[in-house]
Amino acid sequence: MSAELDTEYEASDKNLKRTIGLFSLIGLAVSIQVGSGWLLATLAAVSRSGPGAIIAWVIGAVFFGIIGVAWMELGTMLPRSGGGVRYPRMTHGAFLSWLNGWGYLIAVVAMPVIEVQAVLTYVGGHWDHLGLLKHEEGGPVMLAWPNGIIVGWFTLLLFFALNIFGAKLLTESNKVVTIWKLVVPTITFLLMFTAFNSDNFHMHGGFTPYGVGAIFGAVSGGGVVFAYAGIRQIVDFGGEVINPKKNIPLAMLIGGLLIPMFLYSLLQIGFIGAINWADAGVPEGDYAALMSSHWASEPLLAAVVAAGFTWFALVLLSDAVLSPAATGWVFVGLGGRTLYSMSVNNEMPQNVQKMNRFGVPWLALTITTAVGFLLFLPVPSWYTFVGMVSTARVLNYLIAGPCMAVFAR
């Protein structure tokens, strides 16, 4: 990287404020990872591969753990806000940077929309009279117009407001939510274990009723990649992290990998054991049919209620709102920082770098939020959108290896 480009990069970050400590960074990592995935991916994964979905969560953790090492090193060596789109510019030049940046920008702008969809899917599934959802025969659950889409827009606007006042407000407000996001899923899988039916793991085709290959299908399209793919996103806050050489790798390991892996694996085991086929209205052992059942809008809530814990419904619903919402508002901030970084790379107008007095790239944040409003219209379904966005996010992950090879040389 030339000295001129390095000087330009340093100058562009001079207005950013280092306010994010280790605990806050771990909280951000957990918030990014434990979002809508814990609410809906358990059903999406098991519908594709049956009980073998448990293995899919382990494979996903190993995959992202290996890729995460390169991002840890990049984040500690060159802590930059929006680093995911800035490193390729330093190592491979303008074309790869442009290609990588646009792919990643599309993914992070779509992420808050997906999280809002998850919130409204659970709420709308539980209170059908609100008119938030529409159900098509044999198709995925979708947000309805106008109720579902308009409420989604207002929720996205709230995420924008939480980000515009700076990273410190974002991280401080996220701490309490992170604790709640860990407590409720833990209670959920414990309650599901009380209704555990071991027959669900070997009926009609055994542990892998759709074949071993279906396990990898669950990894890519069953929400597993989507649930884990946030492990590297805290690198994009690098310019605002206190002591990044120590805090970034610790936060990625603890909050980005270990906590989500244990949580998702236990939730998947508990959900499979707690499936009540009669309550779901599908034949025993027909995991694929769960996707079009009434359980699809609120799988974990349906499993807990079927197990006899109706009293827990409101608690779980509160987390069904908070977990995706916390992930959504973090990704709104990431979207703004990504567009800001593309401007630093000269791939966007320089005005996009404009900061407010809280050290937030407000114009970039406004633009990405506005684009998010539009994304509600063509793909109003969580289950459909997840597969599309997961592919775009994985492509961005793979760039870390080539970047590290160039830096090492």
Protein backbone atom coordinates (compact mmCIF):
# COMPACT_ATOMS: atom_id res chain seq x y z
CA MET A 1 0.00 0.00 0.00
CA SER A 2 1.39 3.37 -0.99
CA ALA A 3 2.27 5.99 1.60
CA GLU A 4 -0.20 8.40 -0.05
CA LEU A 5 -3.08 5.92 0.27
CA ASP A 6 -2.12 5.14 3.87
CA THR A 7 -2.13 8.85 4.74
CA GLU A 8 -5.55 9.21 3.09
CA TYR A 9 -6.93 6.30 5.12
CA GLU A 10 -5.62 7.72 8.40
CA ALA A 11 -7.06 11.16 7.61
CA SER A 12 -10.47 9.70 6.83
CA ASP A 13 -10.69 8.11 10.30
CA LYS A 14 -9.57 11.10 12.35
CA ASN A 15 -13.14 12.01 13.36
CA LEU A 16 -14.02 8.52 14.60
CA LYS A 17 -14.06 8.08 18.39
CA ARG A 18 -12.60 5.03 20.17
CA THR A 19 -15.35 4.32 22.71
CA ILE A 20 -15.99 0.55 22.40
CA GLY A 21 -14.39 -1.61 25.13
CA LEU A 22 -14.07 -5.41 25.37
CA PHE A 23 -17.38 -6.14 27.11
CA SER A 24 -19.25 -3.86 24.72
CA LEU A 25 -17.53 -5.49 21.75
CA ILE A 26 -18.46 -9.00 22.96
CA GLY A 27 -22.01 -7.72 23.37
CA LEU A 28 -21.98 -6.44 19.78
CA ALA A 29 -20.67 -9.80 18.56
CA VAL A 30 -23.41 -11.71 20.41
CA SER A 31 -26.06 -9.28 19.16
CA ILE A 32 -24.93 -9.75 15.57
CA GLN A 33 -24.80 -13.55 15.87
CA VAL A 34 -27.85 -14.24 18.03
CA GLY A 35 -30.55 -12.46 16.06
CA SER A 36 -33.36 -13.96 14.04
CA GLY A 37 -31.32 -17.12 13.45
CA TRP A 38 -32.13 -18.61 16.85
CA LEU A 39 -35.85 -18.00 16.31
CA LEU A 40 -36.32 -19.45 12.83
CA ALA A 41 -33.17 -21.25 11.64
CA THR A 42 -33.82 -24.31 13.83
CA LEU A 43 -36.92 -25.10 11.77
CA ALA A 44 -35.31 -24.10 8.46
CA ALA A 45 -32.34 -26.42 9.08
CA VAL A 46 -34.34 -29.43 10.29
CA SER A 47 -36.79 -29.11 7.37
CA ARG A 48 -33.86 -29.61 4.97
CA SER A 49 -31.87 -32.34 6.70
CA GLY A 50 -33.91 -33.80 9.56
CA PRO A 51 -32.05 -34.47 12.85
CA GLY A 52 -28.78 -34.20 10.91
CA ALA A 53 -29.24 -30.44 11.31
CA ILE A 54 -27.32 -30.79 14.60
CA ILE A 55 -24.22 -31.73 12.61
CA ALA A 56 -24.84 -28.77 10.30
CA TRP A 57 -24.38 -26.36 13.23
CA VAL A 58 -21.03 -27.94 14.13
CA ILE A 59 -19.84 -27.84 10.50
CA GLY A 60 -20.87 -24.19 10.28
CA ALA A 61 -18.92 -23.31 13.45
CA VAL A 62 -15.77 -25.03 12.17
CA PHE A 63 -16.06 -23.34 8.78
CA PHE A 64 -16.43 -19.85 10.21
CA GLY A 65 -13.84 -20.50 12.90
CA ILE A 66 -11.21 -21.20 10.24
CA ILE A 67 -12.18 -18.18 8.15
CA GLY A 68 -12.42 -16.03 11.28
CA VAL A 69 -8.71 -16.44 12.07
CA ALA A 70 -7.73 -14.40 9.02
CA TRP A 71 -10.22 -11.67 9.92
CA MET A 72 -8.90 -11.58 13.50
CA GLU A 73 -5.40 -10.93 12.19
CA LEU A 74 -6.58 -8.27 9.75
CA GLY A 75 -8.65 -6.55 12.43
CA THR A 76 -5.75 -6.38 14.90
CA MET A 77 -3.12 -5.42 12.33
CA LEU A 78 -5.15 -2.64 10.67
CA PRO A 79 -8.19 -1.70 12.80
CA ARG A 80 -10.36 0.31 10.42
CA SER A 81 -14.08 1.06 10.48
CA GLY A 82 -15.55 -0.70 7.48
CA GLY A 83 -12.39 -2.81 7.22
CA GLY A 84 -14.18 -5.55 5.29
CA VAL A 85 -14.29 -3.36 2.20
CA ARG A 86 -11.03 -1.47 2.80
CA TYR A 87 -8.51 -4.31 3.06
CA PRO A 88 -9.05 -5.57 -0.53
CA ARG A 89 -8.37 -2.04 -1.80
CA MET A 90 -5.04 -2.02 0.01
CA THR A 91 -3.96 -5.44 -1.26
CA HIS A 92 -5.56 -6.04 -4.67
CA GLY A 93 -6.50 -2.63 -6.04
CA ALA A 94 -9.62 -0.97 -7.32
CA PHE A 95 -11.42 -3.69 -9.30
CA LEU A 96 -11.53 -6.38 -6.60
CA SER A 97 -12.30 -3.70 -4.02
CA TRP A 98 -15.26 -2.47 -6.08
CA LEU A 99 -16.59 -6.00 -6.66
CA ASN A 100 -16.21 -7.03 -3.01
CA GLY A 101 -17.56 -3.74 -1.66
CA TRP A 102 -20.79 -3.79 -3.64
CA GLY A 103 -21.49 -7.44 -2.82
CA TYR A 104 -20.95 -6.81 0.87
CA LEU A 105 -22.93 -3.56 0.86
CA ILE A 106 -25.96 -5.34 -0.58
CA ALA A 107 -25.73 -7.98 2.17
CA VAL A 108 -25.40 -5.58 5.13
CA VAL A 109 -28.14 -3.26 3.85
CA ALA A 110 -30.44 -6.29 3.55
CA MET A 111 -29.65 -7.61 7.04
CA PRO A 112 -31.75 -5.09 9.06
CA VAL A 113 -34.66 -5.85 6.74
CA ILE A 114 -34.31 -9.58 7.45
CA GLU A 115 -34.23 -8.98 11.19
CA VAL A 116 -37.37 -6.82 11.02
CA GLN A 117 -39.05 -9.57 9.00
CA ALA A 118 -38.22 -12.05 11.78
CA VAL A 119 -39.74 -9.78 14.45
CA LEU A 120 -42.95 -9.30 12.51
CA THR A 121 -43.14 -12.98 11.53
CA TYR A 122 -43.20 -14.05 15.19
CA VAL A 123 -45.52 -11.25 16.33
CA GLY A 124 -47.83 -11.62 13.34
CA GLY A 125 -47.93 -15.39 13.71
CA HIS A 126 -48.99 -15.12 17.35
CA TRP A 127 -51.49 -12.28 16.88
CA ASP A 128 -52.93 -13.03 13.47
CA HIS A 129 -55.60 -10.32 13.79
CA LEU A 130 -52.90 -7.65 13.38
CA GLY A 131 -52.77 -8.48 9.68
CA LEU A 132 -48.95 -8.41 9.52
CA LEU A 133 -48.60 -11.68 7.58
CA LYS A 134 -50.07 -13.39 4.58
CA HIS A 135 -49.92 -17.13 3.97
CA GLU A 136 -49.72 -18.63 0.49
CA GLU A 137 -50.53 -22.30 0.01
CA GLY A 138 -47.29 -24.28 0.03
CA GLY A 139 -45.19 -21.10 0.14
CA PRO A 140 -43.16 -19.30 2.84
CA VAL A 141 -44.63 -16.93 5.42
CA MET A 142 -44.59 -13.36 4.04
CA LEU A 143 -45.22 -9.84 5.31
CA ALA A 144 -48.56 -8.43 4.18
CA TRP A 145 -49.22 -5.10 2.53
CA PRO A 146 -49.93 -2.60 3.95
CA ASN A 147 -49.78 -3.53 7.66
CA GLY A 148 -46.65 -5.70 7.68
CA ILE A 149 -44.56 -3.57 5.31
CA ILE A 150 -45.46 -0.22 6.92
CA VAL A 151 -44.72 -1.48 10.46
CA GLY A 152 -41.42 -2.80 9.06
CA TRP A 153 -40.56 0.66 7.77
CA PHE A 154 -41.23 2.27 11.15
CA THR A 155 -39.05 -0.36 12.87
CA LEU A 156 -36.17 0.31 10.46
CA LEU A 157 -36.53 4.03 11.18
CA LEU A 158 -36.14 3.29 14.90
CA PHE A 159 -32.90 1.39 14.18
CA PHE A 160 -31.64 4.44 12.29
CA ALA A 161 -32.41 6.71 15.26
CA LEU A 162 -30.44 4.44 17.64
CA ASN A 163 -27.39 4.66 15.37
CA ILE A 164 -27.36 8.34 14.52
CA PHE A 165 -26.30 9.34 18.07
CA GLY A 166 -23.00 7.49 18.02
CA ALA A 167 -21.33 4.13 18.70
CA LYS A 168 -21.34 4.67 22.47
CA LEU A 169 -25.15 4.90 22.63
CA LEU A 170 -25.35 1.85 20.36
CA THR A 171 -23.06 -0.29 22.54
CA GLU A 172 -24.40 0.90 25.90
CA SER A 173 -28.03 0.27 24.94
CA ASN A 174 -26.98 -3.11 23.56
CA LYS A 175 -25.45 -4.43 26.83
CA VAL A 176 -28.70 -5.10 28.68
CA VAL A 177 -30.33 -6.49 25.54
CA THR A 178 -27.40 -8.91 25.07
CA ILE A 179 -27.90 -10.41 28.54
CA TRP A 180 -31.61 -10.83 27.84
CA LYS A 181 -30.79 -12.42 24.47
CA LEU A 182 -28.74 -15.10 26.23
CA VAL A 183 -31.08 -15.77 29.16
CA VAL A 184 -34.29 -16.33 27.16
CA PRO A 185 -32.84 -18.81 24.60
CA THR A 186 -31.25 -20.74 27.48
CA ILE A 187 -34.60 -21.04 29.28
CA THR A 188 -36.23 -21.97 25.96
CA PHE A 189 -34.07 -25.01 25.27
CA LEU A 190 -34.35 -26.12 28.90
CA LEU A 191 -38.16 -26.05 28.65
CA MET A 192 -38.08 -27.93 25.34
CA PHE A 193 -35.92 -30.64 26.94
CA THR A 194 -38.77 -31.37 29.37
CA ALA A 195 -40.87 -32.58 26.40
CA PHE A 196 -37.96 -34.46 24.82
CA ASN A 197 -38.99 -37.36 22.55
CA SER A 198 -35.97 -39.39 21.46
CA ASP A 199 -38.06 -41.12 18.76
CA ASN A 200 -37.92 -37.90 16.73
CA PHE A 201 -34.23 -38.55 16.07
CA HIS A 202 -34.59 -41.90 14.30
CA MET A 203 -38.13 -42.23 12.91
CA HIS A 204 -38.80 -42.61 9.17
CA GLY A 205 -35.30 -42.60 7.73
CA GLY A 206 -33.17 -42.23 10.81
CA PHE A 207 -30.81 -39.43 11.71
CA THR A 208 -30.33 -38.34 8.08
CA PRO A 209 -33.70 -39.01 6.37
CA TYR A 210 -32.79 -36.92 3.32
CA GLY A 211 -29.21 -38.19 3.01
CA VAL A 212 -25.86 -36.94 4.30
CA GLY A 213 -25.66 -34.37 1.51
CA ALA A 214 -28.75 -32.64 2.89
CA ILE A 215 -26.72 -31.66 5.97
CA PHE A 216 -24.57 -29.42 3.77
CA GLY A 217 -27.75 -28.07 2.19
CA ALA A 218 -28.87 -27.06 5.68
CA VAL A 219 -25.54 -25.30 6.23
CA SER A 220 -25.86 -23.16 3.11
CA GLY A 221 -29.61 -22.67 2.75
CA GLY A 222 -31.09 -23.68 6.10
CA GLY A 223 -30.07 -20.60 8.04
CA VAL A 224 -26.80 -21.99 9.51
CA VAL A 225 -24.50 -19.82 7.39
CA PHE A 226 -26.81 -16.89 8.02
CA ALA A 227 -26.70 -17.44 11.81
CA TYR A 228 -22.89 -17.66 12.00
CA ALA A 229 -21.96 -15.17 9.32
CA GLY A 230 -21.80 -12.24 11.74
CA ILE A 231 -18.54 -13.43 13.32
CA ARG A 232 -16.39 -10.98 11.35
CA GLN A 233 -18.70 -7.96 11.41
CA ILE A 234 -17.16 -6.42 14.52
CA VAL A 235 -14.01 -5.84 12.45
CA ASP A 236 -16.06 -3.10 10.77
CA PHE A 237 -16.10 -1.20 14.08
CA GLY A 238 -12.27 -1.40 14.28
CA GLY A 239 -11.72 2.36 14.08
CA GLU A 240 -13.91 2.85 17.17
CA VAL A 241 -12.54 0.01 19.35
CA ILE A 242 -10.36 0.61 22.42
CA ASN A 243 -7.19 -1.56 22.33
CA PRO A 244 -8.20 -3.39 19.12
CA LYS A 245 -5.18 -5.75 19.13
CA LYS A 246 -6.50 -7.43 22.27
CA ASN A 247 -10.25 -6.83 22.14
CA ILE A 248 -11.09 -7.72 18.54
CA PRO A 249 -9.81 -11.35 18.60
CA LEU A 250 -11.26 -12.01 22.08
CA ALA A 251 -14.67 -10.65 21.09
CA MET A 252 -14.69 -12.66 17.85
CA LEU A 253 -13.79 -15.90 19.65
CA ILE A 254 -16.08 -15.56 22.68
CA GLY A 255 -19.04 -13.57 21.41
CA GLY A 256 -18.79 -14.42 17.73
CA LEU A 257 -18.16 -18.18 17.81
CA LEU A 258 -18.25 -20.08 21.12
CA ILE A 259 -21.42 -18.61 22.65
CA PRO A 260 -23.47 -18.89 19.42
CA MET A 261 -22.24 -22.45 18.70
CA PHE A 262 -23.34 -23.81 22.09
CA LEU A 263 -26.59 -21.89 22.03
CA TYR A 264 -27.64 -22.89 18.52
CA SER A 265 -26.66 -26.54 18.96
CA LEU A 266 -28.65 -26.92 22.18
CA LEU A 267 -31.66 -25.12 20.69
CA GLN A 268 -31.58 -27.43 17.66
CA ILE A 269 -31.40 -30.58 19.82
CA GLY A 270 -34.18 -29.31 22.07
CA PHE A 271 -36.40 -28.34 19.14
CA ILE A 272 -36.08 -31.70 17.38
CA GLY A 273 -36.86 -33.54 20.61
CA ALA A 274 -39.86 -31.31 21.32
CA ILE A 275 -41.56 -31.53 17.91
CA ASN A 276 -45.22 -32.40 18.45
CA TRP A 277 -46.29 -33.72 15.05
CA ALA A 278 -50.00 -33.63 15.83
CA ASP A 279 -49.84 -30.03 17.02
CA ALA A 280 -47.84 -29.03 13.92
CA GLY A 281 -50.42 -30.76 11.73
CA VAL A 282 -47.91 -32.77 9.67
CA PRO A 283 -47.25 -36.55 9.39
CA GLU A 284 -44.74 -38.00 11.86
CA GLY A 285 -41.19 -37.74 10.55
CA ASP A 286 -42.07 -35.40 7.67
CA TYR A 287 -39.56 -32.70 8.55
CA ALA A 288 -39.86 -30.96 5.18
CA ALA A 289 -43.59 -30.37 5.76
CA LEU A 290 -42.81 -28.24 8.83
CA MET A 291 -41.83 -25.39 6.51
CA SER A 292 -45.41 -24.98 5.28
CA SER A 293 -47.07 -25.73 8.64
CA HIS A 294 -48.42 -23.14 11.07
CA TRP A 295 -45.28 -23.77 13.18
CA ALA A 296 -43.18 -21.99 10.52
CA SER A 297 -44.11 -18.51 11.78
CA GLU A 298 -43.09 -19.21 15.39
CA PRO A 299 -41.33 -22.61 15.67
CA LEU A 300 -39.74 -22.34 19.13
CA LEU A 301 -42.79 -20.66 20.64
CA ALA A 302 -45.02 -23.38 19.16
CA ALA A 303 -42.75 -26.10 20.58
CA VAL A 304 -42.70 -24.54 24.07
CA VAL A 305 -46.48 -24.03 24.13
CA ALA A 306 -47.07 -27.60 22.87
CA ALA A 307 -44.86 -28.78 25.75
CA GLY A 308 -47.29 -27.15 28.18
CA PHE A 309 -45.46 -23.90 29.00
CA THR A 310 -48.05 -21.41 27.78
CA TRP A 311 -46.97 -18.97 30.51
CA PHE A 312 -43.60 -18.58 28.77
CA ALA A 313 -45.17 -17.36 25.53
CA LEU A 314 -45.00 -13.63 26.34
CA VAL A 315 -41.40 -13.90 27.59
CA LEU A 316 -40.30 -15.65 24.42
CA LEU A 317 -42.23 -13.18 22.28
CA SER A 318 -40.44 -10.30 24.00
CA ASP A 319 -37.13 -11.82 22.99
CA ALA A 320 -38.47 -12.57 19.53
CA VAL A 321 -38.72 -8.79 19.25
CA LEU A 322 -35.50 -7.84 21.10
CA SER A 323 -33.06 -10.37 19.60
CA PRO A 324 -33.63 -9.58 15.92
CA ALA A 325 -34.13 -5.90 16.73
CA ALA A 326 -30.73 -5.66 18.46
CA THR A 327 -29.07 -7.40 15.50
CA GLY A 328 -30.95 -5.16 13.10
CA TRP A 329 -29.90 -1.91 14.69
CA VAL A 330 -26.24 -3.03 14.78
CA PHE A 331 -26.40 -3.86 11.06
CA VAL A 332 -27.89 -0.47 10.25
CA GLY A 333 -24.69 0.96 11.72
CA LEU A 334 -22.57 -1.50 9.74
CA GLY A 335 -24.34 -0.53 6.53
CA GLY A 336 -23.47 3.12 7.07
CA ARG A 337 -19.84 2.29 7.87
CA THR A 338 -19.58 0.09 4.77
CA LEU A 339 -20.79 2.87 2.48
CA TYR A 340 -18.46 5.29 4.30
CA SER A 341 -15.52 2.94 3.63
CA MET A 342 -16.41 2.64 -0.04
CA SER A 343 -16.20 6.43 -0.18
CA VAL A 344 -12.75 6.26 1.42
CA ASN A 345 -11.86 3.79 -1.37
CA ASN A 346 -13.00 6.41 -3.94
CA GLU A 347 -15.85 4.12 -4.99
CA MET A 348 -18.48 6.57 -3.74
CA PRO A 349 -18.63 10.40 -3.62
CA GLN A 350 -16.49 11.99 -0.92
CA ASN A 351 -19.54 13.67 0.65
CA VAL A 352 -20.63 10.24 1.89
CA GLN A 353 -17.90 10.54 4.57
CA LYS A 354 -19.66 13.45 6.29
CA MET A 355 -19.73 13.01 10.08
CA ASN A 356 -22.13 14.42 12.66
CA ARG A 357 -20.94 15.66 16.05
CA PHE A 358 -21.26 12.13 17.49
CA GLY A 359 -18.64 10.78 15.06
CA VAL A 360 -21.22 8.93 12.92
CA PRO A 361 -21.16 8.98 9.08
CA TRP A 362 -24.73 10.30 9.00
CA LEU A 363 -25.13 10.67 5.24
CA ALA A 364 -23.96 7.12 4.57
CA LEU A 365 -26.30 5.91 7.32
CA THR A 366 -29.23 7.77 5.78
CA ILE A 367 -28.61 6.39 2.29
CA THR A 368 -28.31 2.74 3.39
CA THR A 369 -31.43 3.01 5.56
CA ALA A 370 -33.39 4.45 2.63
CA VAL A 371 -32.32 1.54 0.42
CA GLY A 372 -33.45 -0.84 3.19
CA PHE A 373 -36.95 0.63 2.91
CA LEU A 374 -37.11 -0.46 -0.73
CA LEU A 375 -35.94 -4.03 -0.02
CA PHE A 376 -39.10 -4.84 1.92
CA LEU A 377 -41.11 -4.83 -1.30
CA PRO A 378 -39.56 -7.48 -3.61
CA VAL A 379 -38.68 -10.09 -0.93
CA PRO A 380 -41.09 -9.89 2.03
CA SER A 381 -40.21 -13.34 3.46
CA TRP A 382 -37.48 -14.20 6.01
CA TYR A 383 -37.10 -17.77 4.72
CA THR A 384 -36.61 -16.63 1.11
CA PHE A 385 -34.35 -13.66 1.86
CA VAL A 386 -31.96 -15.58 4.12
CA GLY A 387 -30.70 -17.90 1.38
CA MET A 388 -30.07 -14.98 -0.98
CA VAL A 389 -28.17 -12.83 1.52
CA SER A 390 -26.15 -15.74 2.98
CA THR A 391 -24.50 -16.31 -0.41
CA ALA A 392 -23.46 -12.67 -0.71
CA ARG A 393 -22.01 -12.64 2.82
CA VAL A 394 -19.96 -15.83 2.36
CA LEU A 395 -18.29 -14.44 -0.77
CA ASN A 396 -17.11 -11.45 1.25
CA TYR A 397 -15.70 -13.74 3.95
CA LEU A 398 -13.41 -15.55 1.53
CA ILE A 399 -11.50 -12.39 0.63
CA ALA A 400 -9.62 -12.38 3.97
CA GLY A 401 -7.23 -15.20 2.95
CA PRO A 402 -5.94 -13.51 -0.22
CA CYS A 403 -5.62 -10.19 1.65
CA MET A 404 -3.53 -11.82 4.39
CA ALA A 405 -1.29 -13.51 1.78
CA VAL A 406 -0.47 -10.13 0.22
CA PHE A 407 0.12 -8.41 3.57
CA ALA A 408 2.39 -11.25 4.69
CA ARG A 409 4.47 -10.83 1.55
